[in-house]
Amino acid sequence: MKKYILVTGGAGYIGSHTIIDILANTNYDVISVDNFSNSYENTYSLIEHIIGKPIAGINVDICDKEKLSLYLQPYAPNIEGIIHFAAYKSVPESMENPIKYYHNNILSLLNIIDFAKQNEIKNFIFSSSCSVYG
């Protein structure tokens, strides 16, 4: 039975490097959700080319709780942990439009925590920086 680590924002810089490390150095498979709002859709295929292992890449906005659950539910029993990187990160934009940032960054966190709680996923890493919240 496959065991997965779920990486949100996995097509971004930090997320993609984390996926490479997981695939290269552990026995876990990776599920990644990203809406590609500030990343590239070909990131997963590039990782697969480098590492030689597949990624379950899912294009979904994790602020959409229903779609998030719909896409992740088939994997849920086998998800061992979650690493949450998905967030907007531009300081100037966050100062110009703070509500957009609060909505995206807080709602995505709450939705992924709720998914973890509903599916009894106890291993959770949340990464943030001052640039994420402006």
N, C-alpha and C. Protein backbone atom coordinates (compact mmCIF):
# COMPACT_ATOMS: atom_id res chain seq x y z
N MET A 1 0.84 -1.17 0.00
CA MET A 1 0.00 0.00 0.00
C MET A 1 0.89 1.25 0.00
N LYS A 2 0.59 2.18 -0.89
CA LYS A 2 1.36 3.42 -0.96
C LYS A 2 1.04 4.30 0.24
N LYS A 3 2.06 4.97 0.72
CA LYS A 3 1.91 5.98 1.77
C LYS A 3 2.33 7.32 1.18
N TYR A 4 1.54 8.35 1.45
CA TYR A 4 1.74 9.64 0.81
C TYR A 4 2.07 10.75 1.81
N ILE A 5 2.82 11.71 1.32
CA ILE A 5 2.95 13.01 1.95
C ILE A 5 2.23 13.99 1.03
N LEU A 6 1.34 14.80 1.58
CA LEU A 6 0.64 15.82 0.82
C LEU A 6 1.41 17.13 0.96
N VAL A 7 1.79 17.71 -0.18
CA VAL A 7 2.49 18.99 -0.19
C VAL A 7 1.60 20.01 -0.88
N THR A 8 1.18 21.04 -0.14
CA THR A 8 0.40 22.11 -0.77
C THR A 8 1.38 23.16 -1.29
N GLY A 9 1.05 23.75 -2.42
CA GLY A 9 1.98 24.69 -3.04
C GLY A 9 3.21 24.00 -3.58
N GLY A 10 3.04 22.75 -3.98
CA GLY A 10 4.17 21.93 -4.42
C GLY A 10 4.81 22.33 -5.72
N ALA A 11 4.15 23.17 -6.50
CA ALA A 11 4.75 23.61 -7.76
C ALA A 11 5.59 24.88 -7.57
N GLY A 12 5.58 25.44 -6.37
CA GLY A 12 6.40 26.61 -6.08
C GLY A 12 7.84 26.22 -5.80
N TYR A 13 8.67 27.21 -5.58
CA TYR A 13 10.11 26.98 -5.40
C TYR A 13 10.40 26.07 -4.20
N ILE A 14 9.92 26.45 -3.03
CA ILE A 14 10.19 25.66 -1.83
C ILE A 14 9.47 24.32 -1.89
N GLY A 15 8.21 24.33 -2.33
CA GLY A 15 7.44 23.09 -2.42
C GLY A 15 8.06 22.09 -3.37
N SER A 16 8.51 22.55 -4.53
CA SER A 16 9.09 21.62 -5.51
C SER A 16 10.40 21.02 -5.00
N HIS A 17 11.20 21.82 -4.31
CA HIS A 17 12.45 21.28 -3.76
C HIS A 17 12.17 20.31 -2.62
N THR A 18 11.12 20.57 -1.86
CA THR A 18 10.72 19.64 -0.80
C THR A 18 10.26 18.32 -1.40
N ILE A 19 9.49 18.38 -2.47
CA ILE A 19 9.03 17.16 -3.14
C ILE A 19 10.23 16.35 -3.64
N ILE A 20 11.19 17.01 -4.25
CA ILE A 20 12.39 16.31 -4.72
C ILE A 20 13.08 15.60 -3.56
N ASP A 21 13.21 16.27 -2.43
CA ASP A 21 13.86 15.68 -1.27
C ASP A 21 13.07 14.47 -0.75
N ILE A 22 11.76 14.60 -0.67
CA ILE A 22 10.92 13.49 -0.20
C ILE A 22 11.08 12.28 -1.12
N LEU A 23 10.95 12.51 -2.42
CA LEU A 23 11.03 11.39 -3.38
C LEU A 23 12.42 10.77 -3.43
N ALA A 24 13.44 11.58 -3.27
CA ALA A 24 14.81 11.07 -3.37
C ALA A 24 15.28 10.37 -2.10
N ASN A 25 14.72 10.76 -0.94
CA ASN A 25 15.29 10.30 0.32
C ASN A 25 14.35 9.55 1.25
N THR A 26 13.12 9.29 0.81
CA THR A 26 12.18 8.54 1.65
C THR A 26 11.47 7.49 0.80
N ASN A 27 10.66 6.71 1.45
CA ASN A 27 9.84 5.73 0.74
C ASN A 27 8.42 6.23 0.49
N TYR A 28 8.17 7.51 0.75
CA TYR A 28 6.85 8.08 0.53
C TYR A 28 6.65 8.48 -0.92
N ASP A 29 5.40 8.39 -1.36
CA ASP A 29 4.98 9.01 -2.61
C ASP A 29 4.42 10.38 -2.26
N VAL A 30 4.25 11.22 -3.27
CA VAL A 30 3.82 12.59 -3.03
C VAL A 30 2.53 12.90 -3.78
N ILE A 31 1.63 13.56 -3.07
CA ILE A 31 0.46 14.20 -3.67
C ILE A 31 0.72 15.69 -3.49
N SER A 32 0.54 16.44 -4.54
CA SER A 32 0.72 17.88 -4.42
C SER A 32 -0.49 18.61 -4.98
N VAL A 33 -0.96 19.59 -4.23
CA VAL A 33 -2.03 20.44 -4.73
C VAL A 33 -1.48 21.85 -4.92
N ASP A 34 -1.82 22.43 -6.05
CA ASP A 34 -1.38 23.78 -6.39
C ASP A 34 -2.35 24.31 -7.43
N ASN A 35 -2.66 25.60 -7.35
CA ASN A 35 -3.52 26.18 -8.39
C ASN A 35 -2.70 26.96 -9.41
N PHE A 36 -1.39 26.91 -9.29
CA PHE A 36 -0.45 27.53 -10.24
C PHE A 36 -0.64 29.03 -10.35
N SER A 37 -1.11 29.67 -9.28
CA SER A 37 -1.30 31.12 -9.33
C SER A 37 0.02 31.87 -9.34
N ASN A 38 1.07 31.27 -8.76
CA ASN A 38 2.39 31.87 -8.86
C ASN A 38 3.47 30.81 -9.01
N SER A 39 3.16 29.82 -9.86
CA SER A 39 4.09 28.74 -10.17
C SER A 39 3.79 28.24 -11.58
N TYR A 40 4.48 27.20 -11.99
CA TYR A 40 4.34 26.71 -13.36
C TYR A 40 3.79 25.29 -13.40
N GLU A 41 2.88 25.05 -14.36
CA GLU A 41 2.23 23.74 -14.47
C GLU A 41 3.20 22.62 -14.84
N ASN A 42 4.31 22.93 -15.49
CA ASN A 42 5.24 21.88 -15.90
C ASN A 42 6.20 21.47 -14.78
N THR A 43 6.07 22.06 -13.61
CA THR A 43 6.97 21.75 -12.50
C THR A 43 6.95 20.26 -12.16
N TYR A 44 5.77 19.67 -12.09
CA TYR A 44 5.68 18.25 -11.71
C TYR A 44 6.37 17.35 -12.72
N SER A 45 6.19 17.63 -14.01
CA SER A 45 6.84 16.79 -15.02
C SER A 45 8.36 16.96 -14.96
N LEU A 46 8.84 18.15 -14.63
CA LEU A 46 10.28 18.35 -14.48
C LEU A 46 10.82 17.55 -13.29
N ILE A 47 10.08 17.56 -12.18
CA ILE A 47 10.49 16.77 -11.01
C ILE A 47 10.51 15.28 -11.36
N GLU A 48 9.46 14.82 -12.02
CA GLU A 48 9.40 13.40 -12.41
C GLU A 48 10.57 13.04 -13.31
N HIS A 49 10.97 13.94 -14.19
CA HIS A 49 12.12 13.70 -15.08
C HIS A 49 13.42 13.61 -14.27
N ILE A 50 13.58 14.48 -13.28
CA ILE A 50 14.79 14.50 -12.46
C ILE A 50 14.87 13.27 -11.57
N ILE A 51 13.78 12.93 -10.89
CA ILE A 51 13.78 11.89 -9.88
C ILE A 51 13.40 10.52 -10.43
N GLY A 52 12.59 10.50 -11.48
CA GLY A 52 12.16 9.23 -12.05
C GLY A 52 11.01 8.58 -11.30
N LYS A 53 10.31 9.35 -10.50
CA LYS A 53 9.15 8.85 -9.76
C LYS A 53 7.96 9.76 -10.05
N PRO A 54 6.76 9.19 -10.11
CA PRO A 54 5.57 10.01 -10.41
C PRO A 54 5.10 10.82 -9.20
N ILE A 55 4.41 11.90 -9.51
CA ILE A 55 3.78 12.74 -8.50
C ILE A 55 2.29 12.80 -8.84
N ALA A 56 1.46 12.68 -7.83
CA ALA A 56 0.03 12.92 -8.04
C ALA A 56 -0.18 14.42 -7.90
N GLY A 57 -0.09 15.13 -9.02
CA GLY A 57 -0.26 16.58 -9.02
C GLY A 57 -1.70 16.95 -9.29
N ILE A 58 -2.28 17.74 -8.40
CA ILE A 58 -3.70 18.10 -8.51
C ILE A 58 -3.82 19.61 -8.61
N ASN A 59 -4.47 20.06 -9.67
CA ASN A 59 -4.70 21.49 -9.88
C ASN A 59 -6.01 21.88 -9.20
N VAL A 60 -5.89 22.41 -8.00
CA VAL A 60 -7.08 22.83 -7.24
C VAL A 60 -6.70 23.99 -6.33
N ASP A 61 -7.62 24.90 -6.17
CA ASP A 61 -7.45 26.01 -5.23
C ASP A 61 -7.88 25.51 -3.86
N ILE A 62 -6.97 25.45 -2.90
CA ILE A 62 -7.34 24.88 -1.61
C ILE A 62 -8.24 25.79 -0.79
N CYS A 63 -8.53 26.97 -1.30
CA CYS A 63 -9.57 27.80 -0.67
C CYS A 63 -10.96 27.27 -0.99
N ASP A 64 -11.06 26.41 -1.99
CA ASP A 64 -12.33 25.76 -2.34
C ASP A 64 -12.39 24.43 -1.60
N LYS A 65 -12.97 24.47 -0.41
CA LYS A 65 -12.98 23.32 0.49
C LYS A 65 -13.64 22.08 -0.12
N GLU A 66 -14.73 22.26 -0.84
CA GLU A 66 -15.44 21.12 -1.43
C GLU A 66 -14.59 20.43 -2.49
N LYS A 67 -13.99 21.21 -3.40
CA LYS A 67 -13.15 20.62 -4.44
C LYS A 67 -11.90 19.97 -3.83
N LEU A 68 -11.33 20.64 -2.84
CA LEU A 68 -10.15 20.08 -2.18
C LEU A 68 -10.47 18.69 -1.63
N SER A 69 -11.56 18.59 -0.91
CA SER A 69 -11.97 17.31 -0.33
C SER A 69 -12.27 16.28 -1.41
N LEU A 70 -12.97 16.70 -2.46
CA LEU A 70 -13.31 15.80 -3.56
C LEU A 70 -12.07 15.19 -4.19
N TYR A 71 -11.07 16.02 -4.48
CA TYR A 71 -9.86 15.53 -5.14
C TYR A 71 -8.96 14.72 -4.22
N LEU A 72 -8.94 15.05 -2.93
CA LEU A 72 -8.03 14.37 -2.02
C LEU A 72 -8.61 13.15 -1.34
N GLN A 73 -9.93 13.04 -1.30
CA GLN A 73 -10.57 11.94 -0.57
C GLN A 73 -10.08 10.55 -0.97
N PRO A 74 -9.87 10.27 -2.26
CA PRO A 74 -9.37 8.93 -2.61
C PRO A 74 -8.01 8.60 -1.99
N TYR A 75 -7.20 9.62 -1.72
CA TYR A 75 -5.87 9.41 -1.15
C TYR A 75 -5.87 9.46 0.38
N ALA A 76 -6.89 10.05 0.96
CA ALA A 76 -6.91 10.40 2.39
C ALA A 76 -6.49 9.26 3.33
N PRO A 77 -6.97 8.03 3.15
CA PRO A 77 -6.58 6.98 4.09
C PRO A 77 -5.08 6.67 4.09
N ASN A 78 -4.39 7.06 3.03
CA ASN A 78 -2.97 6.74 2.92
C ASN A 78 -2.05 7.94 3.06
N ILE A 79 -2.61 9.09 3.45
CA ILE A 79 -1.79 10.28 3.67
C ILE A 79 -1.23 10.23 5.09
N GLU A 80 0.09 10.20 5.19
CA GLU A 80 0.76 10.12 6.49
C GLU A 80 1.06 11.49 7.08
N GLY A 81 1.17 12.50 6.21
CA GLY A 81 1.49 13.82 6.71
C GLY A 81 1.24 14.89 5.66
N ILE A 82 1.16 16.12 6.12
CA ILE A 82 0.91 17.27 5.25
C ILE A 82 2.00 18.31 5.49
N ILE A 83 2.52 18.85 4.39
CA ILE A 83 3.43 19.99 4.46
C ILE A 83 2.74 21.12 3.71
N HIS A 84 2.42 22.19 4.43
CA HIS A 84 1.61 23.27 3.86
C HIS A 84 2.48 24.48 3.50
N PHE A 85 2.68 24.68 2.19
CA PHE A 85 3.43 25.83 1.68
C PHE A 85 2.55 26.80 0.88
N ALA A 86 1.34 26.41 0.53
CA ALA A 86 0.51 27.22 -0.38
C ALA A 86 0.13 28.55 0.25
N ALA A 87 0.57 29.63 -0.38
CA ALA A 87 0.23 30.97 0.10
C ALA A 87 0.68 32.00 -0.92
N TYR A 88 0.04 33.14 -0.88
CA TYR A 88 0.56 34.29 -1.63
C TYR A 88 1.73 34.85 -0.84
N LYS A 89 2.69 35.49 -1.55
CA LYS A 89 3.91 35.88 -0.85
C LYS A 89 4.49 37.24 -1.21
N SER A 90 3.85 38.01 -2.01
CA SER A 90 4.42 39.30 -2.42
C SER A 90 4.14 40.37 -1.36
N VAL A 91 5.19 40.92 -0.77
CA VAL A 91 5.01 41.95 0.25
C VAL A 91 4.33 43.19 -0.31
N PRO A 92 4.82 43.76 -1.44
CA PRO A 92 4.14 44.96 -1.96
C PRO A 92 2.66 44.72 -2.26
N GLU A 93 2.35 43.58 -2.89
CA GLU A 93 0.94 43.30 -3.22
C GLU A 93 0.11 43.10 -1.95
N SER A 94 0.70 42.47 -0.94
CA SER A 94 -0.05 42.23 0.30
C SER A 94 -0.37 43.54 1.01
N MET A 95 0.47 44.53 0.82
CA MET A 95 0.20 45.83 1.43
C MET A 95 -0.84 46.61 0.63
N GLU A 96 -0.88 46.39 -0.68
CA GLU A 96 -1.88 47.03 -1.52
C GLU A 96 -3.25 46.37 -1.39
N ASN A 97 -3.26 45.07 -1.18
CA ASN A 97 -4.51 44.32 -1.14
C ASN A 97 -4.47 43.29 0.00
N PRO A 98 -4.46 43.76 1.25
CA PRO A 98 -4.31 42.83 2.37
C PRO A 98 -5.45 41.83 2.51
N ILE A 99 -6.67 42.23 2.16
CA ILE A 99 -7.81 41.31 2.29
C ILE A 99 -7.63 40.10 1.38
N LYS A 100 -7.13 40.30 0.17
CA LYS A 100 -6.85 39.19 -0.74
C LYS A 100 -5.88 38.20 -0.09
N TYR A 101 -4.85 38.72 0.56
CA TYR A 101 -3.86 37.87 1.21
C TYR A 101 -4.42 37.16 2.42
N TYR A 102 -5.15 37.89 3.27
CA TYR A 102 -5.76 37.25 4.43
C TYR A 102 -6.73 36.17 3.98
N HIS A 103 -7.54 36.46 2.99
CA HIS A 103 -8.51 35.48 2.51
C HIS A 103 -7.81 34.22 2.03
N ASN A 104 -6.84 34.37 1.15
CA ASN A 104 -6.15 33.21 0.58
C ASN A 104 -5.32 32.47 1.63
N ASN A 105 -4.48 33.18 2.34
CA ASN A 105 -3.52 32.52 3.21
C ASN A 105 -4.16 31.93 4.47
N ILE A 106 -5.14 32.59 5.02
CA ILE A 106 -5.80 32.06 6.21
C ILE A 106 -6.81 30.97 5.83
N LEU A 107 -7.63 31.22 4.81
CA LEU A 107 -8.63 30.23 4.42
C LEU A 107 -7.99 28.93 3.95
N SER A 108 -6.91 29.03 3.19
CA SER A 108 -6.23 27.81 2.73
C SER A 108 -5.70 27.01 3.93
N LEU A 109 -5.13 27.71 4.90
CA LEU A 109 -4.63 27.04 6.10
C LEU A 109 -5.77 26.36 6.86
N LEU A 110 -6.86 27.08 7.06
CA LEU A 110 -8.00 26.49 7.78
C LEU A 110 -8.57 25.28 7.05
N ASN A 111 -8.67 25.36 5.74
CA ASN A 111 -9.21 24.24 4.96
C ASN A 111 -8.31 23.01 5.05
N ILE A 112 -7.01 23.21 4.97
CA ILE A 112 -6.12 22.05 5.00
C ILE A 112 -6.04 21.46 6.42
N ILE A 113 -6.13 22.31 7.43
CA ILE A 113 -6.20 21.81 8.81
C ILE A 113 -7.48 21.01 9.02
N ASP A 114 -8.59 21.51 8.50
CA ASP A 114 -9.86 20.81 8.62
C ASP A 114 -9.81 19.45 7.91
N PHE A 115 -9.20 19.42 6.72
CA PHE A 115 -9.03 18.16 6.00
C PHE A 115 -8.21 17.18 6.84
N ALA A 116 -7.13 17.67 7.43
CA ALA A 116 -6.28 16.82 8.27
C ALA A 116 -7.06 16.28 9.47
N LYS A 117 -7.82 17.15 10.09
CA LYS A 117 -8.60 16.74 11.26
C LYS A 117 -9.66 15.71 10.90
N GLN A 118 -10.40 15.95 9.82
CA GLN A 118 -11.45 15.02 9.39
C GLN A 118 -10.90 13.65 9.03
N ASN A 119 -9.66 13.62 8.55
CA ASN A 119 -9.07 12.37 8.11
C ASN A 119 -8.01 11.83 9.07
N GLU A 120 -7.97 12.41 10.26
CA GLU A 120 -7.07 11.97 11.33
C GLU A 120 -5.62 11.91 10.87
N ILE A 121 -5.20 12.94 10.14
CA ILE A 121 -3.81 13.06 9.71
C ILE A 121 -3.12 13.91 10.77
N LYS A 122 -2.24 13.30 11.54
CA LYS A 122 -1.68 13.96 12.70
C LYS A 122 -0.35 14.68 12.43
N ASN A 123 0.32 14.33 11.36
CA ASN A 123 1.61 14.95 11.05
C ASN A 123 1.38 16.14 10.12
N PHE A 124 1.71 17.34 10.60
CA PHE A 124 1.40 18.56 9.86
C PHE A 124 2.54 19.55 10.04
N ILE A 125 3.09 20.00 8.93
CA ILE A 125 4.12 21.04 8.96
C ILE A 125 3.56 22.26 8.25
N PHE A 126 3.61 23.40 8.94
CA PHE A 126 3.15 24.66 8.37
C PHE A 126 4.36 25.57 8.23
N SER A 127 4.58 26.04 7.02
CA SER A 127 5.70 26.94 6.78
C SER A 127 5.18 28.32 6.44
N SER A 128 5.78 29.30 7.05
CA SER A 128 5.38 30.67 6.78
C SER A 128 6.59 31.57 6.92
N SER A 129 6.40 32.81 6.51
CA SER A 129 7.43 33.83 6.69
C SER A 129 6.73 35.17 6.76
N CYS A 130 7.48 36.20 7.12
CA CYS A 130 6.86 37.52 7.19
C CYS A 130 6.36 37.96 5.82
N SER A 131 6.99 37.48 4.76
CA SER A 131 6.56 37.91 3.42
C SER A 131 5.19 37.34 3.05
N VAL A 132 4.80 36.24 3.67
CA VAL A 132 3.51 35.63 3.36
C VAL A 132 2.36 36.51 3.84
N TYR A 133 2.51 37.13 4.99
CA TYR A 133 1.41 37.89 5.58
C TYR A 133 1.61 39.40 5.52
N GLY A 134 2.72 39.86 4.97
CA GLY A 134 2.92 41.28 4.70
C GLY A 134 3.18 42.15 5.89
